[in-house]
Amino acid sequence: MGKLVVLTLLGVSLALIGERLLVFRERINATRELEPVELQNCYLVEGLENGSEDIDILPSGLAFISNGLKYQGMPDLAPDASGKIYLMDLNEQNPRAEALKISDGFDEKFFNPHGISTFIDKDHTVYLYVVNHPHMKSTVEIFKFEEEQLSLIHLKTIKHELLTSVNDIVVLGPEKFYATRDHYFTNYFLSLLEMILDLRWTQVLFYSPKEVKVVAKGFSSANGITVSLDHKYYASRMFCLISPG
């Protein structure tokens, strides 16, 4: 009787693992054939060799790029260098990336930028919001962009108990934004098991000075995030369209 129970449990376990592997195979399109694509007008931008994580482009054609992310479980391409925000003018024929200076009082040594988003107020002042991971924790840094000086003035650091393991951010107004909150194991075996079992731990947060809350959850992954121009919908990298209403 005992052997029958063991064999039954083993069979059920193998069937479950097989089903999960098939689902995982379909999710990652393992059988898909990729056709080679020749990129047009594509060239390596000097200065960004350490790996760039996010980009946000202003209506004027100026682009902010976060660079040098250090994250657990990821290769560190420049262990002795801190992260930086670069600026490119996409109106130029061959745009170059230039690192922006950051005002005194901000500890650049532990600057570890991830997702970024911009906000332009009624006076046309540009503010840059940056997901930062100092000491592998999560904060949101607010900067004011000074175009003439090619610099960022640090205004504020936002911390909150729900702002943990933040990945990306999209700003709606002054100190008001949505953010993706990921949960990834850094151990290779555990991260692979997490994907195979399709553990849906990722959330989308809403932050404002008056309210911080989870507005969507149950995602296996939610990397980038953006919002429609009328602010009626926001979408995550998993191609999930959500109405805040």
C-alpha atoms as a PDB file:
ATOM      1  CA  MET A   1       0.000   0.000   0.000  1.00  0.00           C
ATOM      2  CA  GLY A   2       2.847   2.358   0.919  1.00  0.00           C
ATOM      3  CA  LYS A   3       4.617   1.744  -2.387  1.00  0.00           C
ATOM      4  CA  LEU A   4       1.397   2.433  -4.293  1.00  0.00           C
ATOM      5  CA  VAL A   5       0.975   5.772  -2.544  1.00  0.00           C
ATOM      6  CA  VAL A   6       4.600   6.708  -3.282  1.00  0.00           C
ATOM      7  CA  LEU A   7       4.271   5.737  -6.935  1.00  0.00           C
ATOM      8  CA  THR A   8       1.007   7.668  -7.215  1.00  0.00           C
ATOM      9  CA  LEU A   9       2.549  10.805  -5.712  1.00  0.00           C
ATOM     10  CA  LEU A  10       5.589  10.440  -7.962  1.00  0.00           C
ATOM     11  CA  GLY A  11       3.382  10.111 -11.031  1.00  0.00           C
ATOM     12  CA  VAL A  12       1.312  13.164 -10.093  1.00  0.00           C
ATOM     13  CA  SER A  13       4.495  15.166  -9.420  1.00  0.00           C
ATOM     14  CA  LEU A  14       6.041  14.202 -12.763  1.00  0.00           C
ATOM     15  CA  ALA A  15       2.808  15.048 -14.566  1.00  0.00           C
ATOM     16  CA  LEU A  16       2.689  18.456 -12.860  1.00  0.00           C
ATOM     17  CA  ILE A  17       6.318  19.159 -13.728  1.00  0.00           C
ATOM     18  CA  GLY A  18       5.718  18.095 -17.331  1.00  0.00           C
ATOM     19  CA  GLU A  19       2.662  20.348 -17.620  1.00  0.00           C
ATOM     20  CA  ARG A  20       4.589  23.304 -16.144  1.00  0.00           C
ATOM     21  CA  LEU A  21       7.498  22.738 -18.547  1.00  0.00           C
ATOM     22  CA  LEU A  22       5.123  22.717 -21.526  1.00  0.00           C
ATOM     23  CA  VAL A  23       3.476  25.946 -20.344  1.00  0.00           C
ATOM     24  CA  PHE A  24       6.885  27.525 -19.778  1.00  0.00           C
ATOM     25  CA  ARG A  25       8.019  26.430 -23.249  1.00  0.00           C
ATOM     26  CA  GLU A  26       5.005  28.115 -24.797  1.00  0.00           C
ATOM     27  CA  ARG A  27       5.484  31.287 -22.727  1.00  0.00           C
ATOM     28  CA  ILE A  28       9.038  31.811 -23.934  1.00  0.00           C
ATOM     29  CA  ASN A  29       8.255  30.728 -27.532  1.00  0.00           C
ATOM     30  CA  ALA A  30      11.003  28.107 -27.393  1.00  0.00           C
ATOM     31  CA  THR A  31      10.004  26.637 -30.770  1.00  0.00           C
ATOM     32  CA  ARG A  32       9.854  29.970 -32.586  1.00  0.00           C
ATOM     33  CA  GLU A  33      12.288  30.473 -35.447  1.00  0.00           C
ATOM     34  CA  LEU A  34      13.856  33.917 -35.631  1.00  0.00           C
ATOM     35  CA  GLU A  35      14.718  35.461 -38.950  1.00  0.00           C
ATOM     36  CA  PRO A  36      17.928  37.551 -38.997  1.00  0.00           C
ATOM     37  CA  VAL A  37      17.215  41.273 -39.251  1.00  0.00           C
ATOM     38  CA  GLU A  38      19.694  43.795 -40.631  1.00  0.00           C
ATOM     39  CA  LEU A  39      19.402  46.970 -38.557  1.00  0.00           C
ATOM     40  CA  GLN A  40      19.356  50.213 -40.511  1.00  0.00           C
ATOM     41  CA  ASN A  41      21.170  53.349 -39.326  1.00  0.00           C
ATOM     42  CA  CYS A  42      22.319  51.583 -36.162  1.00  0.00           C
ATOM     43  CA  TYR A  43      25.653  52.284 -34.510  1.00  0.00           C
ATOM     44  CA  LEU A  44      27.302  51.920 -31.115  1.00  0.00           C
ATOM     45  CA  VAL A  45      27.034  55.034 -28.961  1.00  0.00           C
ATOM     46  CA  GLU A  46      30.296  55.678 -27.149  1.00  0.00           C
ATOM     47  CA  GLY A  47      30.123  56.135 -23.398  1.00  0.00           C
ATOM     48  CA  LEU A  48      27.241  53.726 -22.853  1.00  0.00           C
ATOM     49  CA  GLU A  49      29.284  50.529 -22.881  1.00  0.00           C
ATOM     50  CA  ASN A  50      28.410  49.727 -19.247  1.00  0.00           C
ATOM     51  CA  GLY A  51      24.860  48.852 -20.183  1.00  0.00           C
ATOM     52  CA  SER A  52      21.870  51.188 -20.403  1.00  0.00           C
ATOM     53  CA  GLU A  53      18.605  50.315 -18.665  1.00  0.00           C
ATOM     54  CA  ASP A  54      15.999  52.897 -19.653  1.00  0.00           C
ATOM     55  CA  ILE A  55      15.406  55.891 -21.906  1.00  0.00           C
ATOM     56  CA  ASP A  56      12.880  58.738 -21.882  1.00  0.00           C
ATOM     57  CA  ILE A  57      12.597  61.199 -24.779  1.00  0.00           C
ATOM     58  CA  LEU A  58      11.290  64.767 -24.470  1.00  0.00           C
ATOM     59  CA  PRO A  59       9.109  66.349 -27.204  1.00  0.00           C
ATOM     60  CA  SER A  60      12.149  68.501 -28.076  1.00  0.00           C
ATOM     61  CA  GLY A  61      14.166  65.410 -29.034  1.00  0.00           C
ATOM     62  CA  LEU A  62      16.407  65.371 -25.956  1.00  0.00           C
ATOM     63  CA  ALA A  63      16.744  61.860 -24.519  1.00  0.00           C
ATOM     64  CA  PHE A  64      17.689  60.847 -20.977  1.00  0.00           C
ATOM     65  CA  ILE A  65      19.381  57.453 -20.564  1.00  0.00           C
ATOM     66  CA  SER A  66      20.083  55.605 -17.307  1.00  0.00           C
ATOM     67  CA  ASN A  67      23.362  53.710 -17.352  1.00  0.00           C
ATOM     68  CA  GLY A  68      25.479  51.450 -15.153  1.00  0.00           C
ATOM     69  CA  LEU A  69      22.800  49.504 -13.261  1.00  0.00           C
ATOM     70  CA  LYS A  70      24.155  47.097 -10.661  1.00  0.00           C
ATOM     71  CA  TYR A  71      21.664  44.444  -9.606  1.00  0.00           C
ATOM     72  CA  GLN A  72      21.891  41.143  -7.783  1.00  0.00           C
ATOM     73  CA  GLY A  73      22.177  38.222 -10.157  1.00  0.00           C
ATOM     74  CA  MET A  74      23.240  40.421 -13.089  1.00  0.00           C
ATOM     75  CA  PRO A  75      26.786  40.791 -14.470  1.00  0.00           C
ATOM     76  CA  ASP A  76      28.500  44.008 -13.375  1.00  0.00           C
ATOM     77  CA  LEU A  77      30.223  45.540 -16.406  1.00  0.00           C
ATOM     78  CA  ALA A  78      31.910  48.330 -14.400  1.00  0.00           C
ATOM     79  CA  PRO A  79      32.271  47.342 -10.726  1.00  0.00           C
ATOM     80  CA  ASP A  80      34.299  50.440  -9.835  1.00  0.00           C
ATOM     81  CA  ALA A  81      32.033  52.979 -11.548  1.00  0.00           C
ATOM     82  CA  SER A  82      28.817  54.507 -10.215  1.00  0.00           C
ATOM     83  CA  GLY A  83      25.696  54.838 -12.309  1.00  0.00           C
ATOM     84  CA  LYS A  84      25.048  57.905 -14.443  1.00  0.00           C
ATOM     85  CA  ILE A  85      22.325  59.690 -16.385  1.00  0.00           C
ATOM     86  CA  TYR A  86      23.300  60.538 -19.963  1.00  0.00           C
ATOM     87  CA  LEU A  87      21.757  63.063 -22.335  1.00  0.00           C
ATOM     88  CA  MET A  88      21.494  62.737 -26.114  1.00  0.00           C
ATOM     89  CA  ASP A  89      20.116  65.202 -28.637  1.00  0.00           C
ATOM     90  CA  LEU A  90      18.333  63.030 -31.190  1.00  0.00           C
ATOM     91  CA  ASN A  91      18.020  66.020 -33.537  1.00  0.00           C
ATOM     92  CA  GLU A  92      21.734  65.741 -34.324  1.00  0.00           C
ATOM     93  CA  GLN A  93      22.959  63.746 -37.320  1.00  0.00           C
ATOM     94  CA  ASN A  94      25.202  61.600 -35.133  1.00  0.00           C
ATOM     95  CA  PRO A  95      24.011  62.149 -31.566  1.00  0.00           C
ATOM     96  CA  ARG A  96      26.520  61.659 -28.762  1.00  0.00           C
ATOM     97  CA  ALA A  97      25.863  60.722 -25.171  1.00  0.00           C
ATOM     98  CA  GLU A  98      27.069  63.128 -22.491  1.00  0.00           C
ATOM     99  CA  ALA A  99      26.956  62.365 -18.774  1.00  0.00           C
ATOM    100  CA  LEU A 100      24.957  64.926 -16.809  1.00  0.00           C
ATOM    101  CA  LYS A 101      26.472  66.533 -13.730  1.00  0.00           C
ATOM    102  CA  ILE A 102      24.523  66.094 -10.484  1.00  0.00           C
ATOM    103  CA  SER A 103      24.277  68.871  -7.911  1.00  0.00           C
ATOM    104  CA  ASP A 104      26.243  68.822  -4.675  1.00  0.00           C
ATOM    105  CA  GLY A 105      24.636  67.087  -1.740  1.00  0.00           C
ATOM    106  CA  PHE A 106      23.632  63.956  -3.638  1.00  0.00           C
ATOM    107  CA  ASP A 107      25.775  60.871  -2.981  1.00  0.00           C
ATOM    108  CA  GLU A 108      26.754  59.791  -6.499  1.00  0.00           C
ATOM    109  CA  LYS A 109      28.987  57.014  -5.146  1.00  0.00           C
ATOM    110  CA  PHE A 110      25.939  54.812  -4.567  1.00  0.00           C
ATOM    111  CA  PHE A 111      23.864  56.082  -7.501  1.00  0.00           C
ATOM    112  CA  ASN A 112      22.391  52.986  -9.139  1.00  0.00           C
ATOM    113  CA  PRO A 113      19.754  54.170 -11.672  1.00  0.00           C
ATOM    114  CA  HIS A 114      17.121  51.833 -13.097  1.00  0.00           C
ATOM    115  CA  GLY A 115      13.827  52.989 -14.677  1.00  0.00           C
ATOM    116  CA  ILE A 116      13.341  56.706 -15.420  1.00  0.00           C
ATOM    117  CA  SER A 117      10.465  59.029 -16.359  1.00  0.00           C
ATOM    118  CA  THR A 118      10.123  62.757 -17.074  1.00  0.00           C
ATOM    119  CA  PHE A 119       7.531  65.365 -16.186  1.00  0.00           C
ATOM    120  CA  ILE A 120       7.211  68.872 -17.695  1.00  0.00           C
ATOM    121  CA  ASP A 121       5.276  71.477 -15.706  1.00  0.00           C
ATOM    122  CA  LYS A 122       3.304  74.463 -17.009  1.00  0.00           C
ATOM    123  CA  ASP A 123       6.463  76.618 -16.902  1.00  0.00           C
ATOM    124  CA  HIS A 124       8.230  74.091 -19.186  1.00  0.00           C
ATOM    125  CA  THR A 125      10.566  73.001 -16.396  1.00  0.00           C
ATOM    126  CA  VAL A 126      11.703  69.414 -16.869  1.00  0.00           C
ATOM    127  CA  TYR A 127      11.821  67.035 -13.905  1.00  0.00           C
ATOM    128  CA  LEU A 128      13.456  63.631 -14.060  1.00  0.00           C
ATOM    129  CA  TYR A 129      12.283  60.813 -11.771  1.00  0.00           C
ATOM    130  CA  VAL A 130      14.786  57.985 -11.330  1.00  0.00           C
ATOM    131  CA  VAL A 131      14.378  54.583  -9.689  1.00  0.00           C
ATOM    132  CA  ASN A 132      17.553  54.209  -7.629  1.00  0.00           C
ATOM    133  CA  HIS A 133      18.990  51.153  -5.851  1.00  0.00           C
ATOM    134  CA  PRO A 134      21.512  52.411  -3.279  1.00  0.00           C
ATOM    135  CA  HIS A 135      22.846  49.445  -1.288  1.00  0.00           C
ATOM    136  CA  MET A 136      20.435  47.264  -3.329  1.00  0.00           C
ATOM    137  CA  LYS A 137      17.390  48.989  -1.807  1.00  0.00           C
ATOM    138  CA  SER A 138      14.812  51.050  -3.728  1.00  0.00           C
ATOM    139  CA  THR A 139      14.186  54.788  -3.726  1.00  0.00           C
ATOM    140  CA  VAL A 140      12.816  57.284  -6.235  1.00  0.00           C
ATOM    141  CA  GLU A 141      14.993  60.343  -6.807  1.00  0.00           C
ATOM    142  CA  ILE A 142      13.566  63.599  -8.177  1.00  0.00           C
ATOM    143  CA  PHE A 143      15.840  65.906 -10.195  1.00  0.00           C
ATOM    144  CA  LYS A 144      15.313  69.208 -11.987  1.00  0.00           C
ATOM    145  CA  PHE A 145      16.994  69.383 -15.380  1.00  0.00           C
ATOM    146  CA  GLU A 146      19.143  72.447 -16.122  1.00  0.00           C
ATOM    147  CA  GLU A 147      19.681  72.364 -19.882  1.00  0.00           C
ATOM    148  CA  GLU A 148      22.146  75.265 -20.110  1.00  0.00           C
ATOM    149  CA  GLN A 149      24.442  73.757 -17.465  1.00  0.00           C
ATOM    150  CA  LEU A 150      23.785  70.179 -18.633  1.00  0.00           C
ATOM    151  CA  SER A 151      23.154  69.209 -15.035  1.00  0.00           C
ATOM    152  CA  LEU A 152      20.598  67.677 -12.693  1.00  0.00           C
ATOM    153  CA  ILE A 153      19.658  69.370  -9.428  1.00  0.00           C
ATOM    154  CA  HIS A 154      18.601  66.826  -6.826  1.00  0.00           C
ATOM    155  CA  LEU A 155      15.350  67.864  -5.142  1.00  0.00           C
ATOM    156  CA  LYS A 156      14.065  64.936  -3.142  1.00  0.00           C
ATOM    157  CA  THR A 157      14.405  61.246  -2.255  1.00  0.00           C
ATOM    158  CA  ILE A 158      11.152  59.284  -1.951  1.00  0.00           C
ATOM    159  CA  LYS A 159      11.059  56.191   0.273  1.00  0.00           C
ATOM    160  CA  HIS A 160       8.111  54.013   1.277  1.00  0.00           C
ATOM    161  CA  GLU A 161       7.618  50.518   2.648  1.00  0.00           C
ATOM    162  CA  LEU A 162       5.759  49.512  -0.544  1.00  0.00           C
ATOM    163  CA  LEU A 163       8.510  50.871  -2.788  1.00  0.00           C
ATOM    164  CA  THR A 164      10.639  47.730  -2.614  1.00  0.00           C
ATOM    165  CA  SER A 165      12.295  46.022  -5.572  1.00  0.00           C
ATOM    166  CA  VAL A 166      11.026  48.775  -7.897  1.00  0.00           C
ATOM    167  CA  ASN A 167      11.815  48.303 -11.573  1.00  0.00           C
ATOM    168  CA  ASP A 168      10.268  51.059 -13.684  1.00  0.00           C
ATOM    169  CA  ILE A 169       8.253  54.229 -13.186  1.00  0.00           C
ATOM    170  CA  VAL A 170       5.931  56.512 -15.152  1.00  0.00           C
ATOM    171  CA  VAL A 171       5.190  60.011 -13.810  1.00  0.00           C
ATOM    172  CA  LEU A 172       1.699  61.557 -13.979  1.00  0.00           C
ATOM    173  CA  GLY A 173       2.352  64.835 -12.150  1.00  0.00           C
ATOM    174  CA  PRO A 174       4.347  66.341  -9.283  1.00  0.00           C
ATOM    175  CA  GLU A 175       5.258  63.442  -6.955  1.00  0.00           C
ATOM    176  CA  LYS A 176       2.573  61.254  -8.512  1.00  0.00           C
ATOM    177  CA  PHE A 177       3.519  58.100 -10.413  1.00  0.00           C
ATOM    178  CA  TYR A 178       2.946  54.429 -11.157  1.00  0.00           C
ATOM    179  CA  ALA A 179       5.748  51.932 -10.562  1.00  0.00           C
ATOM    180  CA  THR A 180       6.301  48.229 -11.156  1.00  0.00           C
ATOM    181  CA  ARG A 181       7.346  46.198  -8.156  1.00  0.00           C
ATOM    182  CA  ASP A 182       9.139  43.026  -9.224  1.00  0.00           C
ATOM    183  CA  HIS A 183      10.003  39.912  -7.294  1.00  0.00           C
ATOM    184  CA  TYR A 184      12.842  37.930  -8.842  1.00  0.00           C
ATOM    185  CA  PHE A 185      15.059  35.379  -7.137  1.00  0.00           C
ATOM    186  CA  THR A 186      18.742  36.127  -7.796  1.00  0.00           C
ATOM    187  CA  ASN A 187      19.760  32.482  -7.452  1.00  0.00           C
ATOM    188  CA  TYR A 188      19.707  30.892 -10.943  1.00  0.00           C
ATOM    189  CA  PHE A 189      17.942  27.685  -9.874  1.00  0.00           C
ATOM    190  CA  LEU A 190      15.316  29.542  -7.845  1.00  0.00           C
ATOM    191  CA  SER A 191      14.692  32.086 -10.611  1.00  0.00           C
ATOM    192  CA  LEU A 192      14.249  29.259 -13.141  1.00  0.00           C
ATOM    193  CA  LEU A 193      11.865  27.484 -10.755  1.00  0.00           C
ATOM    194  CA  GLU A 194       9.977  30.765 -10.309  1.00  0.00           C
ATOM    195  CA  MET A 195       9.446  31.049 -14.074  1.00  0.00           C
ATOM    196  CA  ILE A 196       8.503  27.376 -14.528  1.00  0.00           C
ATOM    197  CA  LEU A 197       5.958  27.501 -11.703  1.00  0.00           C
ATOM    198  CA  ASP A 198       4.687  30.837 -13.077  1.00  0.00           C
ATOM    199  CA  LEU A 199       4.689  32.505  -9.656  1.00  0.00           C
ATOM    200  CA  ARG A 200       2.747  35.732 -10.100  1.00  0.00           C
ATOM    201  CA  TRP A 201       4.233  38.021  -7.458  1.00  0.00           C
ATOM    202  CA  THR A 202       4.784  41.210  -9.440  1.00  0.00           C
ATOM    203  CA  GLN A 203       2.644  44.280  -8.645  1.00  0.00           C
ATOM    204  CA  VAL A 204       1.911  47.761  -9.978  1.00  0.00           C
ATOM    205  CA  LEU A 205       1.921  50.557  -7.392  1.00  0.00           C
ATOM    206  CA  PHE A 206       0.421  54.019  -7.368  1.00  0.00           C
ATOM    207  CA  TYR A 207       2.258  56.708  -5.385  1.00  0.00           C
ATOM    208  CA  SER A 208       1.187  60.208  -4.394  1.00  0.00           C
ATOM    209  CA  PRO A 209       1.952  62.300  -1.304  1.00  0.00           C
ATOM    210  CA  LYS A 210      -1.545  61.481  -0.014  1.00  0.00           C
ATOM    211  CA  GLU A 211      -1.844  57.828  -0.966  1.00  0.00           C
ATOM    212  CA  VAL A 212       0.343  54.810  -1.767  1.00  0.00           C
ATOM    213  CA  LYS A 213      -1.336  51.574  -2.810  1.00  0.00           C
ATOM    214  CA  VAL A 214      -1.172  48.442  -4.955  1.00  0.00           C
ATOM    215  CA  VAL A 215      -3.422  48.985  -7.989  1.00  0.00           C
ATOM    216  CA  ALA A 216      -2.732  45.748  -9.891  1.00  0.00           C
ATOM    217  CA  LYS A 217      -1.154  42.414  -9.030  1.00  0.00           C
ATOM    218  CA  GLY A 218      -0.902  38.813 -10.166  1.00  0.00           C
ATOM    219  CA  PHE A 219       1.756  39.316 -12.860  1.00  0.00           C
ATOM    220  CA  SER A 220       4.577  36.843 -13.394  1.00  0.00           C
ATOM    221  CA  SER A 221       6.654  39.743 -14.710  1.00  0.00           C
ATOM    222  CA  ALA A 222       6.126  43.469 -15.246  1.00  0.00           C
ATOM    223  CA  ASN A 223       9.242  45.195 -16.455  1.00  0.00           C
ATOM    224  CA  GLY A 224       8.594  48.485 -18.247  1.00  0.00           C
ATOM    225  CA  ILE A 225       5.501  50.623 -17.690  1.00  0.00           C
ATOM    226  CA  THR A 226       3.951  53.507 -19.606  1.00  0.00           C
ATOM    227  CA  VAL A 227       0.735  55.532 -19.641  1.00  0.00           C
ATOM    228  CA  SER A 228      -1.577  56.883 -22.351  1.00  0.00           C
ATOM    229  CA  LEU A 229      -1.495  60.616 -23.055  1.00  0.00           C
ATOM    230  CA  ASP A 230      -4.922  61.110 -21.463  1.00  0.00           C
ATOM    231  CA  HIS A 231      -3.787  59.150 -18.358  1.00  0.00           C
ATOM    232  CA  LYS A 232      -6.776  56.787 -18.742  1.00  0.00           C
ATOM    233  CA  TYR A 233      -4.713  53.641 -19.255  1.00  0.00           C
ATOM    234  CA  TYR A 234      -1.327  52.353 -18.322  1.00  0.00           C
ATOM    235  CA  ALA A 235       0.445  49.314 -19.718  1.00  0.00           C
ATOM    236  CA  SER A 236       3.226  47.059 -18.511  1.00  0.00           C
ATOM    237  CA  ARG A 237       5.848  45.095 -20.451  1.00  0.00           C
ATOM    238  CA  MET A 238       3.650  41.990 -20.218  1.00  0.00           C
ATOM    239  CA  PHE A 239       1.286  43.827 -22.644  1.00  0.00           C
ATOM    240  CA  CYS A 240      -1.390  44.161 -20.033  1.00  0.00           C
ATOM    241  CA  LEU A 241      -3.600  47.238 -20.504  1.00  0.00           C
ATOM    242  CA  ILE A 242      -5.154  48.465 -17.258  1.00  0.00           C
ATOM    243  CA  SER A 243      -7.569  51.263 -16.444  1.00  0.00           C
ATOM    244  CA  PRO A 244      -6.842  53.006 -13.127  1.00  0.00           C
ATOM    245  CA  GLY A 245     -10.563  53.696 -12.646  1.00  0.00           C
END
